[in-house]
Amino acid sequence: RVGETDFYHVKNAPSRSTFYGKRFQESEVEKV
């Protein structure tokens, strides 16, 4: 769909990000 969504950038892992932040511990990702 066209719109906006939460996106999770993995800290200490340059250029790695995902829709599925629950794959990681909260402290491991930055939500944008």
PDB file of all heavy atoms in Angstrom:
ATOM      1  N   ARG A   1       0.839  -1.201   0.000  1.00  0.00           N
ATOM      2  CA  ARG A   1       0.000   0.000   0.000  1.00  0.00           C
ATOM      3  C   ARG A   1       0.872   1.249   0.000  1.00  0.00           C
ATOM      4  O   ARG A   1       2.046   1.215   0.401  1.00  0.00           O
ATOM      5  CB  ARG A   1      -0.916   0.010   1.219  1.00  0.00           C
ATOM      6  CG  ARG A   1      -0.195  -0.037   2.560  1.00  0.00           C
ATOM      7  CD  ARG A   1      -1.183   0.026   3.714  1.00  0.00           C
ATOM      8  NE  ARG A   1      -2.116  -1.081   3.690  1.00  0.00           N
ATOM      9  CZ  ARG A   1      -1.864  -2.277   4.215  1.00  0.00           C
ATOM     10  NH1 ARG A   1      -0.705  -2.498   4.826  1.00  0.00           N
ATOM     11  NH2 ARG A   1      -2.746  -3.238   4.149  1.00  0.00           N
ATOM     12  N   VAL A   2       0.277   2.334  -0.438  1.00  0.00           N
ATOM     13  CA  VAL A   2       0.946   3.638  -0.425  1.00  0.00           C
ATOM     14  C   VAL A   2       0.627   4.319   0.897  1.00  0.00           C
ATOM     15  O   VAL A   2      -0.531   4.369   1.319  1.00  0.00           O
ATOM     16  CB  VAL A   2       0.461   4.509  -1.602  1.00  0.00           C
ATOM     17  CG1 VAL A   2       1.087   5.897  -1.541  1.00  0.00           C
ATOM     18  CG2 VAL A   2       0.794   3.824  -2.928  1.00  0.00           C
ATOM     19  N   GLY A   3       1.630   4.822   1.567  1.00  0.00           N
ATOM     20  CA  GLY A   3       1.408   5.477   2.852  1.00  0.00           C
ATOM     21  C   GLY A   3       2.692   5.619   3.635  1.00  0.00           C
ATOM     22  O   GLY A   3       3.711   6.054   3.108  1.00  0.00           O
ATOM     23  N   GLU A   4       2.653   5.215   4.899  1.00  0.00           N
ATOM     24  CA  GLU A   4       3.823   5.233   5.770  1.00  0.00           C
ATOM     25  C   GLU A   4       3.806   3.980   6.635  1.00  0.00           C
ATOM     26  O   GLU A   4       2.756   3.359   6.838  1.00  0.00           O
ATOM     27  CB  GLU A   4       3.816   6.458   6.693  1.00  0.00           C
ATOM     28  CG  GLU A   4       4.154   7.763   6.025  1.00  0.00           C
ATOM     29  CD  GLU A   4       4.326   8.879   7.050  1.00  0.00           C
ATOM     30  OE1 GLU A   4       3.857   8.732   8.205  1.00  0.00           O
ATOM     31  OE2 GLU A   4       4.937   9.897   6.706  1.00  0.00           O
ATOM     32  N   THR A   5       4.969   3.627   7.161  1.00  0.00           N
ATOM     33  CA  THR A   5       5.036   2.480   8.063  1.00  0.00           C
ATOM     34  C   THR A   5       6.219   2.643   9.001  1.00  0.00           C
ATOM     35  O   THR A   5       7.136   3.434   8.747  1.00  0.00           O
ATOM     36  CB  THR A   5       5.177   1.164   7.276  1.00  0.00           C
ATOM     37  OG1 THR A   5       4.961   0.063   8.162  1.00  0.00           O
ATOM     38  CG2 THR A   5       6.551   1.043   6.650  1.00  0.00           C
ATOM     39  N   ASP A   6       6.189   1.887  10.087  1.00  0.00           N
ATOM     40  CA  ASP A   6       7.357   1.808  10.963  1.00  0.00           C
ATOM     41  C   ASP A   6       8.448   1.010  10.254  1.00  0.00           C
ATOM     42  O   ASP A   6       8.170   0.003   9.580  1.00  0.00           O
ATOM     43  CB  ASP A   6       7.008   1.114  12.281  1.00  0.00           C
ATOM     44  CG  ASP A   6       6.117   1.967  13.170  1.00  0.00           C
ATOM     45  OD1 ASP A   6       6.130   3.204  13.027  1.00  0.00           O
ATOM     46  OD2 ASP A   6       5.395   1.386  14.011  1.00  0.00           O
ATOM     47  N   PHE A   7       9.667   1.456  10.433  1.00  0.00           N
ATOM     48  CA  PHE A   7      10.805   0.818   9.795  1.00  0.00           C
ATOM     49  C   PHE A   7      11.909   0.742  10.837  1.00  0.00           C
ATOM     50  O   PHE A   7      12.103   1.686  11.601  1.00  0.00           O
ATOM     51  CB  PHE A   7      11.255   1.651   8.589  1.00  0.00           C
ATOM     52  CG  PHE A   7      11.979   0.875   7.538  1.00  0.00           C
ATOM     53  CD1 PHE A   7      11.362  -0.160   6.859  1.00  0.00           C
ATOM     54  CD2 PHE A   7      13.288   1.195   7.200  1.00  0.00           C
ATOM     55  CE1 PHE A   7      12.030  -0.868   5.870  1.00  0.00           C
ATOM     56  CE2 PHE A   7      13.951   0.502   6.210  1.00  0.00           C
ATOM     57  CZ  PHE A   7      13.329  -0.538   5.543  1.00  0.00           C
ATOM     58  N   TYR A   8      12.610  -0.371  10.864  1.00  0.00           N
ATOM     59  CA  TYR A   8      13.567  -0.608  11.936  1.00  0.00           C
ATOM     60  C   TYR A   8      14.980  -0.701  11.370  1.00  0.00           C
ATOM     61  O   TYR A   8      15.289  -1.606  10.582  1.00  0.00           O
ATOM     62  CB  TYR A   8      13.210  -1.891  12.688  1.00  0.00           C
ATOM     63  CG  TYR A   8      11.862  -1.823  13.350  1.00  0.00           C
ATOM     64  CD1 TYR A   8      10.694  -2.146  12.645  1.00  0.00           C
ATOM     65  CD2 TYR A   8      11.728  -1.405  14.670  1.00  0.00           C
ATOM     66  CE1 TYR A   8       9.452  -2.070  13.243  1.00  0.00           C
ATOM     67  CE2 TYR A   8      10.480  -1.328  15.282  1.00  0.00           C
ATOM     68  CZ  TYR A   8       9.350  -1.656  14.556  1.00  0.00           C
ATOM     69  OH  TYR A   8       8.114  -1.574  15.150  1.00  0.00           O
ATOM     70  N   HIS A   9      15.801   0.251  11.784  1.00  0.00           N
ATOM     71  CA  HIS A   9      17.201   0.248  11.368  1.00  0.00           C
ATOM     72  C   HIS A   9      18.012  -0.477  12.437  1.00  0.00           C
ATOM     73  O   HIS A   9      17.923  -0.155  13.620  1.00  0.00           O
ATOM     74  CB  HIS A   9      17.717   1.672  11.194  1.00  0.00           C
ATOM     75  CG  HIS A   9      19.164   1.731  10.837  1.00  0.00           C
ATOM     76  ND1 HIS A   9      19.626   1.425   9.588  1.00  0.00           N
ATOM     77  CD2 HIS A   9      20.267   2.032  11.582  1.00  0.00           C
ATOM     78  CE1 HIS A   9      20.935   1.550   9.562  1.00  0.00           C
ATOM     79  NE2 HIS A   9      21.357   1.915  10.758  1.00  0.00           N
ATOM     80  N   VAL A  10      18.783  -1.458  12.006  1.00  0.00           N
ATOM     81  CA  VAL A  10      19.550  -2.263  12.946  1.00  0.00           C
ATOM     82  C   VAL A  10      20.828  -1.522  13.331  1.00  0.00           C
ATOM     83  O   VAL A  10      21.656  -1.202  12.487  1.00  0.00           O
ATOM     84  CB  VAL A  10      19.899  -3.633  12.338  1.00  0.00           C
ATOM     85  CG1 VAL A  10      20.649  -4.492  13.361  1.00  0.00           C
ATOM     86  CG2 VAL A  10      18.636  -4.343  11.872  1.00  0.00           C
ATOM     87  N   LYS A  11      20.954  -1.242  14.614  1.00  0.00           N
ATOM     88  CA  LYS A  11      22.147  -0.549  15.105  1.00  0.00           C
ATOM     89  C   LYS A  11      23.376  -1.450  14.942  1.00  0.00           C
ATOM     90  O   LYS A  11      23.286  -2.664  15.009  1.00  0.00           O
ATOM     91  CB  LYS A  11      21.978  -0.182  16.582  1.00  0.00           C
ATOM     92  CG  LYS A  11      20.797   0.741  16.863  1.00  0.00           C
ATOM     93  CD  LYS A  11      20.633   0.975  18.366  1.00  0.00           C
ATOM     94  CE  LYS A  11      19.431   1.847  18.671  1.00  0.00           C
ATOM     95  NZ  LYS A  11      19.217   2.018  20.136  1.00  0.00           N
ATOM     96  N   ASN A  12      24.500  -0.806  14.743  1.00  0.00           N
ATOM     97  CA  ASN A  12      25.763  -1.533  14.591  1.00  0.00           C
ATOM     98  C   ASN A  12      25.761  -2.472  13.396  1.00  0.00           C
ATOM     99  O   ASN A  12      26.563  -3.415  13.331  1.00  0.00           O
ATOM    100  CB  ASN A  12      26.106  -2.321  15.862  1.00  0.00           C
ATOM    101  CG  ASN A  12      26.193  -1.438  17.095  1.00  0.00           C
ATOM    102  OD1 ASN A  12      26.755  -0.344  17.029  1.00  0.00           O
ATOM    103  ND2 ASN A  12      25.629  -1.898  18.201  1.00  0.00           N
ATOM    104  N   ALA A  13      24.838  -2.252  12.470  1.00  0.00           N
ATOM    105  CA  ALA A  13      24.804  -3.040  11.232  1.00  0.00           C
ATOM    106  C   ALA A  13      24.457  -2.088  10.100  1.00  0.00           C
ATOM    107  O   ALA A  13      23.289  -1.971   9.718  1.00  0.00           O
ATOM    108  CB  ALA A  13      23.787  -4.167  11.326  1.00  0.00           C
ATOM    109  N   PRO A  14      25.428  -1.350   9.611  1.00  0.00           N
ATOM    110  CA  PRO A  14      25.174  -0.324   8.604  1.00  0.00           C
ATOM    111  C   PRO A  14      24.358  -0.859   7.433  1.00  0.00           C
ATOM    112  O   PRO A  14      24.612  -1.949   6.930  1.00  0.00           O
ATOM    113  CB  PRO A  14      26.582   0.087   8.162  1.00  0.00           C
ATOM    114  CG  PRO A  14      27.444  -0.245   9.329  1.00  0.00           C
ATOM    115  CD  PRO A  14      26.846  -1.476   9.945  1.00  0.00           C
ATOM    116  N   SER A  15      23.372  -0.097   7.048  1.00  0.00           N
ATOM    117  CA  SER A  15      22.562  -0.368   5.860  1.00  0.00           C
ATOM    118  C   SER A  15      21.687  -1.603   5.992  1.00  0.00           C
ATOM    119  O   SER A  15      21.272  -2.184   4.996  1.00  0.00           O
ATOM    120  CB  SER A  15      23.456  -0.518   4.624  1.00  0.00           C
ATOM    121  OG  SER A  15      24.318   0.581   4.503  1.00  0.00           O
ATOM    122  N   ARG A  16      21.390  -2.022   7.213  1.00  0.00           N
ATOM    123  CA  ARG A  16      20.478  -3.137   7.393  1.00  0.00           C
ATOM    124  C   ARG A  16      19.225  -2.652   8.082  1.00  0.00           C
ATOM    125  O   ARG A  16      19.274  -2.035   9.143  1.00  0.00           O
ATOM    126  CB  ARG A  16      21.132  -4.238   8.239  1.00  0.00           C
ATOM    127  CG  ARG A  16      20.273  -5.499   8.301  1.00  0.00           C
ATOM    128  CD  ARG A  16      20.935  -6.576   9.106  1.00  0.00           C
ATOM    129  NE  ARG A  16      20.084  -7.765   9.156  1.00  0.00           N
ATOM    130  CZ  ARG A  16      20.285  -8.782   9.976  1.00  0.00           C
ATOM    131  NH1 ARG A  16      21.309  -8.766  10.816  1.00  0.00           N
ATOM    132  NH2 ARG A  16      19.473  -9.827   9.973  1.00  0.00           N
ATOM    133  N   SER A  17      18.080  -2.916   7.484  1.00  0.00           N
ATOM    134  CA  SER A  17      16.819  -2.457   8.051  1.00  0.00           C
ATOM    135  C   SER A  17      15.704  -3.390   7.619  1.00  0.00           C
ATOM    136  O   SER A  17      15.838  -4.164   6.681  1.00  0.00           O
ATOM    137  CB  SER A  17      16.532  -1.017   7.621  1.00  0.00           C
ATOM    138  OG  SER A  17      16.645  -0.886   6.212  1.00  0.00           O
ATOM    139  N   THR A  18      14.554  -3.284   8.309  1.00  0.00           N
ATOM    140  CA  THR A  18      13.472  -4.236   8.068  1.00  0.00           C
ATOM    141  C   THR A  18      12.152  -3.681   8.578  1.00  0.00           C
ATOM    142  O   THR A  18      12.126  -2.804   9.447  1.00  0.00           O
ATOM    143  CB  THR A  18      13.771  -5.578   8.768  1.00  0.00           C
ATOM    144  OG1 THR A  18      12.687  -6.486   8.560  1.00  0.00           O
ATOM    145  CG2 THR A  18      13.974  -5.388  10.264  1.00  0.00           C
ATOM    146  N   PHE A  19      11.044  -4.204   8.052  1.00  0.00           N
ATOM    147  CA  PHE A  19       9.726  -3.929   8.606  1.00  0.00           C
ATOM    148  C   PHE A  19       9.531  -4.643   9.942  1.00  0.00           C
ATOM    149  O   PHE A  19       8.735  -4.225  10.765  1.00  0.00           O
ATOM    150  CB  PHE A  19       8.626  -4.440   7.672  1.00  0.00           C
ATOM    151  CG  PHE A  19       8.390  -3.599   6.452  1.00  0.00           C
ATOM    152  CD1 PHE A  19       7.909  -4.178   5.289  1.00  0.00           C
ATOM    153  CD2 PHE A  19       8.618  -2.239   6.457  1.00  0.00           C
ATOM    154  CE1 PHE A  19       7.658  -3.424   4.162  1.00  0.00           C
ATOM    155  CE2 PHE A  19       8.380  -1.468   5.337  1.00  0.00           C
ATOM    156  CZ  PHE A  19       7.903  -2.062   4.183  1.00  0.00           C
ATOM    157  N   TYR A  20      10.244  -5.748  10.113  1.00  0.00           N
ATOM    158  CA  TYR A  20       9.941  -6.679  11.194  1.00  0.00           C
ATOM    159  C   TYR A  20      10.916  -6.501  12.358  1.00  0.00           C
ATOM    160  O   TYR A  20      11.836  -7.296  12.563  1.00  0.00           O
ATOM    161  CB  TYR A  20       9.956  -8.114  10.664  1.00  0.00           C
ATOM    162  CG  TYR A  20       8.890  -8.322   9.602  1.00  0.00           C
ATOM    163  CD1 TYR A  20       9.230  -8.390   8.257  1.00  0.00           C
ATOM    164  CD2 TYR A  20       7.549  -8.416   9.954  1.00  0.00           C
ATOM    165  CE1 TYR A  20       8.248  -8.568   7.277  1.00  0.00           C
ATOM    166  CE2 TYR A  20       6.572  -8.597   8.997  1.00  0.00           C
ATOM    167  CZ  TYR A  20       6.927  -8.664   7.660  1.00  0.00           C
ATOM    168  OH  TYR A  20       5.957  -8.830   6.706  1.00  0.00           O
ATOM    169  N   GLY A  21      10.678  -5.471  13.144  1.00  0.00           N
ATOM    170  CA  GLY A  21      11.549  -5.171  14.262  1.00  0.00           C
ATOM    171  C   GLY A  21      11.524  -6.216  15.353  1.00  0.00           C
ATOM    172  O   GLY A  21      12.463  -6.321  16.148  1.00  0.00           O
ATOM    173  N   LYS A  22      10.455  -7.025  15.408  1.00  0.00           N
ATOM    174  CA  LYS A  22      10.358  -8.019  16.474  1.00  0.00           C
ATOM    175  C   LYS A  22      11.383  -9.145  16.302  1.00  0.00           C
ATOM    176  O   LYS A  22      11.532  -9.980  17.188  1.00  0.00           O
ATOM    177  CB  LYS A  22       8.956  -8.596  16.559  1.00  0.00           C
ATOM    178  CG  LYS A  22       8.499  -9.403  15.345  1.00  0.00           C
ATOM    179  CD  LYS A  22       7.068  -9.885  15.548  1.00  0.00           C
ATOM    180  CE  LYS A  22       6.581 -10.692  14.347  1.00  0.00           C
ATOM    181  NZ  LYS A  22       5.189 -11.154  14.533  1.00  0.00           N
ATOM    182  N   ARG A  23      12.092  -9.146  15.181  1.00  0.00           N
ATOM    183  CA  ARG A  23      13.182 -10.104  15.018  1.00  0.00           C
ATOM    184  C   ARG A  23      14.343  -9.800  15.960  1.00  0.00           C
ATOM    185  O   ARG A  23      15.206 -10.629  16.174  1.00  0.00           O
ATOM    186  CB  ARG A  23      13.705 -10.059  13.574  1.00  0.00           C
ATOM    187  CG  ARG A  23      12.737 -10.481  12.522  1.00  0.00           C
ATOM    188  CD  ARG A  23      13.273 -10.180  11.127  1.00  0.00           C
ATOM    189  NE  ARG A  23      14.541 -10.832  10.876  1.00  0.00           N
ATOM    190  CZ  ARG A  23      15.289 -10.574   9.801  1.00  0.00           C
ATOM    191  NH1 ARG A  23      14.906  -9.656   8.933  1.00  0.00           N
ATOM    192  NH2 ARG A  23      16.430 -11.212   9.619  1.00  0.00           N
ATOM    193  N   PHE A  24      14.372  -8.566  16.493  1.00  0.00           N
ATOM    194  CA  PHE A  24      15.509  -8.111  17.272  1.00  0.00           C
ATOM    195  C   PHE A  24      15.069  -7.637  18.649  1.00  0.00           C
ATOM    196  O   PHE A  24      13.902  -7.334  18.880  1.00  0.00           O
ATOM    197  CB  PHE A  24      16.208  -6.952  16.539  1.00  0.00           C
ATOM    198  CG  PHE A  24      16.638  -7.280  15.145  1.00  0.00           C
ATOM    199  CD1 PHE A  24      15.810  -7.015  14.058  1.00  0.00           C
ATOM    200  CD2 PHE A  24      17.874  -7.863  14.909  1.00  0.00           C
ATOM    201  CE1 PHE A  24      16.203  -7.323  12.759  1.00  0.00           C
ATOM    202  CE2 PHE A  24      18.275  -8.174  13.616  1.00  0.00           C
ATOM    203  CZ  PHE A  24      17.442  -7.914  12.547  1.00  0.00           C
ATOM    204  N   GLN A  25      16.017  -7.545  19.554  1.00  0.00           N
ATOM    205  CA  GLN A  25      15.770  -6.910  20.831  1.00  0.00           C
ATOM    206  C   GLN A  25      15.551  -5.413  20.602  1.00  0.00           C
ATOM    207  O   GLN A  25      16.117  -4.816  19.683  1.00  0.00           O
ATOM    208  CB  GLN A  25      16.969  -7.116  21.770  1.00  0.00           C
ATOM    209  CG  GLN A  25      17.258  -8.566  22.123  1.00  0.00           C
ATOM    210  CD  GLN A  25      16.152  -9.190  22.956  1.00  0.00           C
ATOM    211  OE1 GLN A  25      15.536  -8.521  23.789  1.00  0.00           O
ATOM    212  NE2 GLN A  25      15.910 -10.481  22.737  1.00  0.00           N
ATOM    213  N   GLU A  26      14.709  -4.813  21.445  1.00  0.00           N
ATOM    214  CA  GLU A  26      14.399  -3.395  21.273  1.00  0.00           C
ATOM    215  C   GLU A  26      15.653  -2.530  21.263  1.00  0.00           C
ATOM    216  O   GLU A  26      15.736  -1.546  20.525  1.00  0.00           O
ATOM    217  CB  GLU A  26      13.462  -2.938  22.390  1.00  0.00           C
ATOM    218  CG  GLU A  26      12.937  -1.514  22.210  1.00  0.00           C
ATOM    219  CD  GLU A  26      11.906  -1.155  23.252  1.00  0.00           C
ATOM    220  OE1 GLU A  26      11.388  -2.068  23.925  1.00  0.00           O
ATOM    221  OE2 GLU A  26      11.617   0.050  23.382  1.00  0.00           O
ATOM    222  N   SER A  27      16.642  -2.898  22.062  1.00  0.00           N
ATOM    223  CA  SER A  27      17.875  -2.112  22.135  1.00  0.00           C
ATOM    224  C   SER A  27      18.734  -2.248  20.887  1.00  0.00           C
ATOM    225  O   SER A  27      19.669  -1.459  20.677  1.00  0.00           O
ATOM    226  CB  SER A  27      18.697  -2.548  23.349  1.00  0.00           C
ATOM    227  OG  SER A  27      19.039  -3.923  23.257  1.00  0.00           O
ATOM    228  N   GLU A  28      18.410  -3.216  20.015  1.00  0.00           N
ATOM    229  CA  GLU A  28      19.227  -3.459  18.822  1.00  0.00           C
ATOM    230  C   GLU A  28      18.779  -2.651  17.611  1.00  0.00           C
ATOM    231  O   GLU A  28      19.492  -2.612  16.609  1.00  0.00           O
ATOM    232  CB  GLU A  28      19.180  -4.950  18.458  1.00  0.00           C
ATOM    233  CG  GLU A  28      19.817  -5.861  19.479  1.00  0.00           C
ATOM    234  CD  GLU A  28      19.718  -7.321  19.080  1.00  0.00           C
ATOM    235  OE1 GLU A  28      18.624  -7.759  18.651  1.00  0.00           O
ATOM    236  OE2 GLU A  28      20.733  -8.017  19.198  1.00  0.00           O
ATOM    237  N   VAL A  29      17.597  -2.036  17.692  1.00  0.00           N
ATOM    238  CA  VAL A  29      17.055  -1.353  16.519  1.00  0.00           C
ATOM    239  C   VAL A  29      16.614   0.071  16.853  1.00  0.00           C
ATOM    240  O   VAL A  29      16.302   0.390  18.004  1.00  0.00           O
ATOM    241  CB  VAL A  29      15.853  -2.121  15.917  1.00  0.00           C
ATOM    242  CG1 VAL A  29      16.305  -3.448  15.350  1.00  0.00           C
ATOM    243  CG2 VAL A  29      14.753  -2.308  16.936  1.00  0.00           C
ATOM    244  N   GLU A  30      16.587   0.885  15.815  1.00  0.00           N
ATOM    245  CA  GLU A  30      16.051   2.243  15.913  1.00  0.00           C
ATOM    246  C   GLU A  30      14.820   2.325  15.015  1.00  0.00           C
ATOM    247  O   GLU A  30      14.896   2.026  13.820  1.00  0.00           O
ATOM    248  CB  GLU A  30      17.099   3.265  15.455  1.00  0.00           C
ATOM    249  CG  GLU A  30      16.590   4.674  15.392  1.00  0.00           C
ATOM    250  CD  GLU A  30      17.570   5.624  14.720  1.00  0.00           C
ATOM    251  OE1 GLU A  30      18.632   5.160  14.262  1.00  0.00           O
ATOM    252  OE2 GLU A  30      17.253   6.825  14.643  1.00  0.00           O
ATOM    253  N   LYS A  31      13.681   2.689  15.584  1.00  0.00           N
ATOM    254  CA  LYS A  31      12.443   2.753  14.808  1.00  0.00           C
ATOM    255  C   LYS A  31      12.277   4.130  14.180  1.00  0.00           C
ATOM    256  O   LYS A  31      12.420   5.155  14.847  1.00  0.00           O
ATOM    257  CB  LYS A  31      11.236   2.436  15.693  1.00  0.00           C
ATOM    258  CG  LYS A  31       9.925   2.375  14.920  1.00  0.00           C
ATOM    259  CD  LYS A  31       8.788   1.824  15.758  1.00  0.00           C
ATOM    260  CE  LYS A  31       8.282   2.827  16.757  1.00  0.00           C
ATOM    261  NZ  LYS A  31       7.020   2.378  17.399  1.00  0.00           N
ATOM    262  N   VAL A  32      11.971   4.136  12.900  1.00  0.00           N
ATOM    263  CA  VAL A  32      11.711   5.385  12.177  1.00  0.00           C
ATOM    264  C   VAL A  32      10.449   5.191  11.341  1.00  0.00           C
ATOM    265  O   VAL A  32       9.983   4.062  11.135  1.00  0.00           O
ATOM    266  CB  VAL A  32      12.894   5.777  11.268  1.00  0.00           C
ATOM    267  CG1 VAL A  32      14.140   6.053  12.089  1.00  0.00           C
ATOM    268  CG2 VAL A  32      13.165   4.688  10.224  1.00  0.00           C
TER     269      VAL A  32
END
